[in-house]
Protein backbone atom coordinates (compact mmCIF):
# COMPACT_ATOMS: atom_id res chain seq x y z
CA UNK A 1 124.57 131.03 15.78
CA UNK A 2 123.99 133.10 18.87
CA UNK A 3 121.15 134.95 17.16
CA UNK A 4 117.88 135.26 19.08
CA UNK A 5 115.02 133.53 17.28
CA UNK A 6 111.76 135.43 17.06
CA UNK A 7 108.60 133.44 17.64
CA UNK A 8 105.28 133.50 15.79
CA UNK A 9 101.87 132.14 16.86
CA UNK A 10 101.74 129.27 14.34
CA UNK A 11 105.25 127.85 14.21
CA UNK A 12 106.85 129.54 17.23
CA UNK A 13 109.42 130.93 14.79
CA UNK A 14 109.71 133.78 12.31
CA UNK A 15 111.99 132.48 9.60
CA UNK A 16 114.83 134.61 8.26
CA UNK A 17 117.82 133.72 6.05
CA UNK A 18 120.03 134.13 9.11
CA UNK A 19 118.20 131.74 11.44
CA UNK A 20 117.03 129.03 9.02
CA UNK A 21 119.81 126.60 9.95
CA UNK A 22 119.16 127.03 13.67
CA UNK A 23 115.43 126.50 13.24
CA UNK A 24 115.96 123.32 11.19
CA UNK A 25 118.22 121.97 13.94
CA UNK A 26 115.55 122.76 16.52
CA UNK A 27 112.91 120.93 14.47
CA UNK A 28 115.20 117.93 14.17
CA UNK A 29 115.59 117.71 17.96
CA UNK A 30 111.88 118.18 18.67
CA UNK A 31 110.93 115.65 16.00
CA UNK A 32 112.80 112.94 17.90
CA UNK A 33 110.64 113.47 21.01
CA UNK A 34 108.05 110.71 21.16
CA UNK A 35 104.50 111.90 20.55
CA UNK A 36 105.54 115.29 19.16
CA UNK A 37 104.43 114.81 15.55
CA UNK A 38 100.87 116.12 15.75
CA UNK A 39 102.04 119.35 17.35
CA UNK A 40 105.07 119.75 15.12
CA UNK A 41 103.52 119.14 11.67
CA UNK A 42 101.36 122.33 11.64
CA UNK A 43 104.38 124.35 12.78
CA UNK A 44 106.53 122.87 10.01
CA UNK A 45 103.84 123.73 7.48
CA UNK A 46 103.81 127.34 8.66
CA UNK A 47 107.60 127.48 8.29
CA UNK A 48 107.26 125.96 4.84
CA UNK A 49 104.97 128.79 3.77
CA UNK A 50 107.38 131.31 5.28
CA UNK A 51 110.36 129.85 3.41
CA UNK A 52 108.39 129.80 0.15
CA UNK A 53 107.61 133.49 0.64
CA UNK A 54 111.33 134.09 1.14
CA UNK A 55 112.08 132.25 -2.12
CA UNK A 56 114.13 129.61 -0.26
CA UNK A 57 112.90 126.58 -2.17
CA UNK A 58 115.60 124.25 -0.84
CA UNK A 59 114.33 124.85 2.69
CA UNK A 60 110.76 124.28 1.48
CA UNK A 61 111.73 120.81 0.28
CA UNK A 62 113.71 120.15 3.48
CA UNK A 63 110.60 120.99 5.50
CA UNK A 64 108.47 118.67 3.37
CA UNK A 65 110.98 115.95 4.27
CA UNK A 66 110.70 116.84 7.97
CA UNK A 67 106.92 116.51 7.72
CA UNK A 68 107.33 113.05 6.23
CA UNK A 69 109.64 112.06 9.09
CA UNK A 70 107.01 113.21 11.61
CA UNK A 71 104.34 111.14 9.87
CA UNK A 72 106.70 108.17 9.79
CA UNK A 73 107.30 108.52 13.53
CA UNK A 74 103.53 108.41 14.12
CA UNK A 75 103.47 105.04 12.37
CA UNK A 76 106.55 103.64 14.12
CA UNK A 77 105.47 104.79 17.58
CA UNK A 78 101.90 103.52 17.28
CA UNK A 79 101.89 100.42 15.07
CA UNK A 80 100.95 98.04 17.87
CA UNK A 81 99.75 100.36 20.64
CA UNK A 82 97.53 102.75 18.67
CA UNK A 83 96.57 101.52 15.17
CA UNK A 84 94.31 104.53 14.58
CA UNK A 85 97.21 106.96 15.11
CA UNK A 86 99.43 104.77 12.90
CA UNK A 87 96.75 104.87 10.19
CA UNK A 88 96.60 108.66 10.42
CA UNK A 89 100.38 108.74 10.04
CA UNK A 90 100.16 106.63 6.90
CA UNK A 91 97.49 108.89 5.41
CA UNK A 92 99.65 111.91 6.22
CA UNK A 93 102.68 110.31 4.56
CA UNK A 94 100.67 109.73 1.39
CA UNK A 95 99.32 113.29 1.31
CA UNK A 96 102.65 114.96 2.15
CA UNK A 97 104.63 112.91 -0.37
CA UNK A 98 102.15 113.77 -3.11
CA UNK A 99 102.46 117.51 -2.39
CA UNK A 100 106.24 117.21 -2.06
CA UNK A 101 106.61 115.42 -5.40
CA UNK A 102 104.51 118.06 -7.17
CA UNK A 103 106.56 120.87 -5.62
CA UNK A 104 109.81 119.15 -6.54
CA UNK A 105 108.80 118.64 -10.17
CA UNK A 106 107.86 122.29 -10.50
CA UNK A 107 111.05 123.60 -8.89
CA UNK A 108 113.68 120.90 -9.38
CA UNK A 109 116.26 123.17 -11.01
CA UNK A 110 115.94 125.74 -8.21
CA UNK A 111 116.64 123.32 -5.35
CA UNK A 112 119.98 122.11 -3.98
CA UNK A 113 120.72 118.78 -5.77
CA UNK A 114 121.69 117.12 -2.47
CA UNK A 115 118.29 117.90 -0.95
CA UNK A 116 116.60 116.84 -4.18
CA UNK A 117 118.33 113.46 -4.08
CA UNK A 118 117.45 112.95 -0.41
CA UNK A 119 113.82 112.63 -1.53
CA UNK A 120 114.54 109.07 -2.72
CA UNK A 121 115.14 108.13 0.92
CA UNK A 122 111.77 109.48 2.05
CA UNK A 123 109.76 108.00 -0.81
CA UNK A 124 111.53 104.70 -0.25
CA UNK A 125 110.50 104.65 3.40
CA UNK A 126 106.92 105.36 2.41
CA UNK A 127 107.03 102.39 0.03
CA UNK A 128 108.43 100.25 2.88
CA UNK A 129 105.49 101.22 5.09
CA UNK A 130 103.15 100.07 2.31
CA UNK A 131 105.15 96.82 1.92
CA UNK A 132 106.05 97.82 -1.64
CA UNK A 133 109.60 96.51 -1.37
CA UNK A 134 110.48 96.28 -5.10
CA UNK A 135 109.50 99.95 -5.36
CA UNK A 136 111.51 100.99 -2.30
CA UNK A 137 114.54 99.04 -3.57
CA UNK A 138 114.38 100.99 -6.84
CA UNK A 139 114.08 104.33 -5.01
CA UNK A 140 117.00 103.61 -2.67
CA UNK A 141 119.14 102.54 -5.61
CA UNK A 142 118.34 105.79 -7.44
CA UNK A 143 119.47 107.74 -4.39
CA UNK A 144 122.63 105.66 -4.09
CA UNK A 145 123.46 106.23 -7.74
CA UNK A 146 123.52 109.97 -7.03
CA UNK A 147 125.48 109.99 -3.77
CA UNK A 148 128.04 107.36 -4.78
CA UNK A 149 129.14 109.62 -7.63
CA UNK A 150 130.08 112.40 -5.20
CA UNK A 151 133.61 112.76 -3.88
CA UNK A 152 133.27 114.95 -0.79
CA UNK A 153 132.60 112.97 2.42
CA UNK A 154 130.40 115.79 3.77
CA UNK A 155 128.00 115.11 0.88
CA UNK A 156 128.66 111.45 0.12
CA UNK A 157 127.78 110.27 3.67
CA UNK A 158 124.08 110.14 2.75
CA UNK A 159 124.82 106.93 0.85
CA UNK A 160 125.34 105.12 4.17
CA UNK A 161 121.71 105.50 5.24
CA UNK A 162 120.43 104.65 1.76
CA UNK A 163 122.62 101.54 1.62
CA UNK A 164 121.21 100.37 4.95
CA UNK A 165 117.64 100.86 3.74
CA UNK A 166 118.45 99.06 0.49
CA UNK A 167 119.69 96.04 2.46
CA UNK A 168 116.43 96.05 4.44
CA UNK A 169 114.38 96.14 1.24
CA UNK A 170 116.36 93.20 -0.15
CA UNK A 171 115.85 91.27 3.08
CA UNK A 172 112.08 91.81 2.91
CA UNK A 173 112.16 90.32 -0.60
CA UNK A 174 114.21 87.31 0.57
CA UNK A 175 117.10 88.44 -1.62
CA UNK A 176 120.23 86.88 -0.14
CA UNK A 177 122.31 89.88 -1.25
CA UNK A 178 121.00 91.80 1.79
CA UNK A 179 123.50 90.22 4.20
CA UNK A 180 126.69 91.05 2.30
CA UNK A 181 125.39 94.57 1.70
CA UNK A 182 124.65 94.94 5.42
CA UNK A 183 128.15 93.83 6.38
CA UNK A 184 129.73 96.22 3.88
CA UNK A 185 127.53 99.13 4.96
CA UNK A 186 128.25 98.65 8.66
CA UNK A 187 131.95 98.45 7.83
CA UNK A 188 131.72 101.67 5.80
CA UNK A 189 130.30 103.49 8.82
CA UNK A 190 133.61 102.80 10.58
CA UNK A 191 136.14 102.74 7.76
CA UNK A 192 134.95 104.68 4.70
CA UNK A 193 135.94 108.39 4.54
CA UNK A 194 132.29 109.44 4.61
CA UNK A 195 131.60 107.23 7.64
CA UNK A 196 134.59 108.64 9.51
CA UNK A 197 133.53 112.18 8.57
CA UNK A 198 129.98 111.61 9.83
CA UNK A 199 131.17 110.05 13.09
CA UNK A 200 133.49 112.99 13.76
CA UNK A 201 131.02 115.71 12.77
CA UNK A 202 127.60 114.35 13.78
CA UNK A 203 128.03 111.41 16.12
CA UNK A 204 124.31 111.27 16.97
CA UNK A 205 123.27 110.77 13.33
CA UNK A 206 126.12 108.29 12.80
CA UNK A 207 124.99 106.22 15.80
CA UNK A 208 121.27 106.36 14.95
CA UNK A 209 121.80 105.37 11.32
CA UNK A 210 124.22 102.55 12.10
CA UNK A 211 122.25 101.05 14.99
CA UNK A 212 119.04 101.42 12.95
CA UNK A 213 120.39 99.02 10.34
CA UNK A 214 121.13 96.36 12.96
CA UNK A 215 117.81 96.77 14.77
CA UNK A 216 115.67 96.93 11.61
CA UNK A 217 117.20 93.85 10.01
CA UNK A 218 117.28 91.81 13.22
CA UNK A 219 113.62 92.56 13.91
CA UNK A 220 112.72 91.60 10.35
CA UNK A 221 114.58 88.30 10.57
CA UNK A 222 112.96 87.37 13.86
CA UNK A 223 109.47 88.52 12.95
CA UNK A 224 109.04 87.21 9.40
CA UNK A 225 108.06 83.56 9.15
CA UNK A 226 108.96 83.55 5.46
CA UNK A 227 112.63 84.18 6.21
CA UNK A 228 114.96 81.27 6.84
CA UNK A 229 116.63 82.31 10.10
CA UNK A 230 120.38 82.01 10.05
CA UNK A 231 121.77 82.03 13.60
CA UNK A 232 125.08 83.43 12.34
CA UNK A 233 123.30 86.40 10.80
CA UNK A 234 121.27 87.07 13.96
CA UNK A 235 124.40 86.96 16.12
CA UNK A 236 126.25 89.29 13.75
CA UNK A 237 123.46 91.88 13.83
CA UNK A 238 122.85 91.49 17.56
């Protein structure tokens, strides 16, 4: 935007309607840096309070979702190397999601419906972390039901990530439907209007979401003794 961003002690930023988009982009980049979650979460919370004071409730919910992503990264980064940090991440996810759900219920009609519907993705991932796969499957399907009824590719593209997570949830439940859904979803990244739009407008997100499906499902197949390993499926995902 070319606008200089003012910094505050807590979050490093003073939020205004003009710089909100730039600040959210900055958070997204910093969130992807390994080990950044503990530093970033308090800053996100400060921004959340600032956006609530501005009456920007859609940004409040977006920042709740960013907090959840940070907590999720703590779990993913530390599952084997630092179980204590992973446990703290799980506790944070539980606490943040509880506060987020309460906020959303109180303000649902004042929040952008797209951001509202994105919550199914975050609650689904929390259920995955708790190995509650029937619950995560239900949440992902609820999100898909919303986004698949949209026509514009710049809104509908969220269904691609949800569809990938749904396939993972099915795989964890030994539901054979996961493989056909995975094939279709990966194909949609390349051929569906929303997949083409995402690739052209945000290649990084397109690549992370698509490769994440292949990595997540391959790792699950190889690591779960309860799954019957199909060499064809492994080769396809690899």
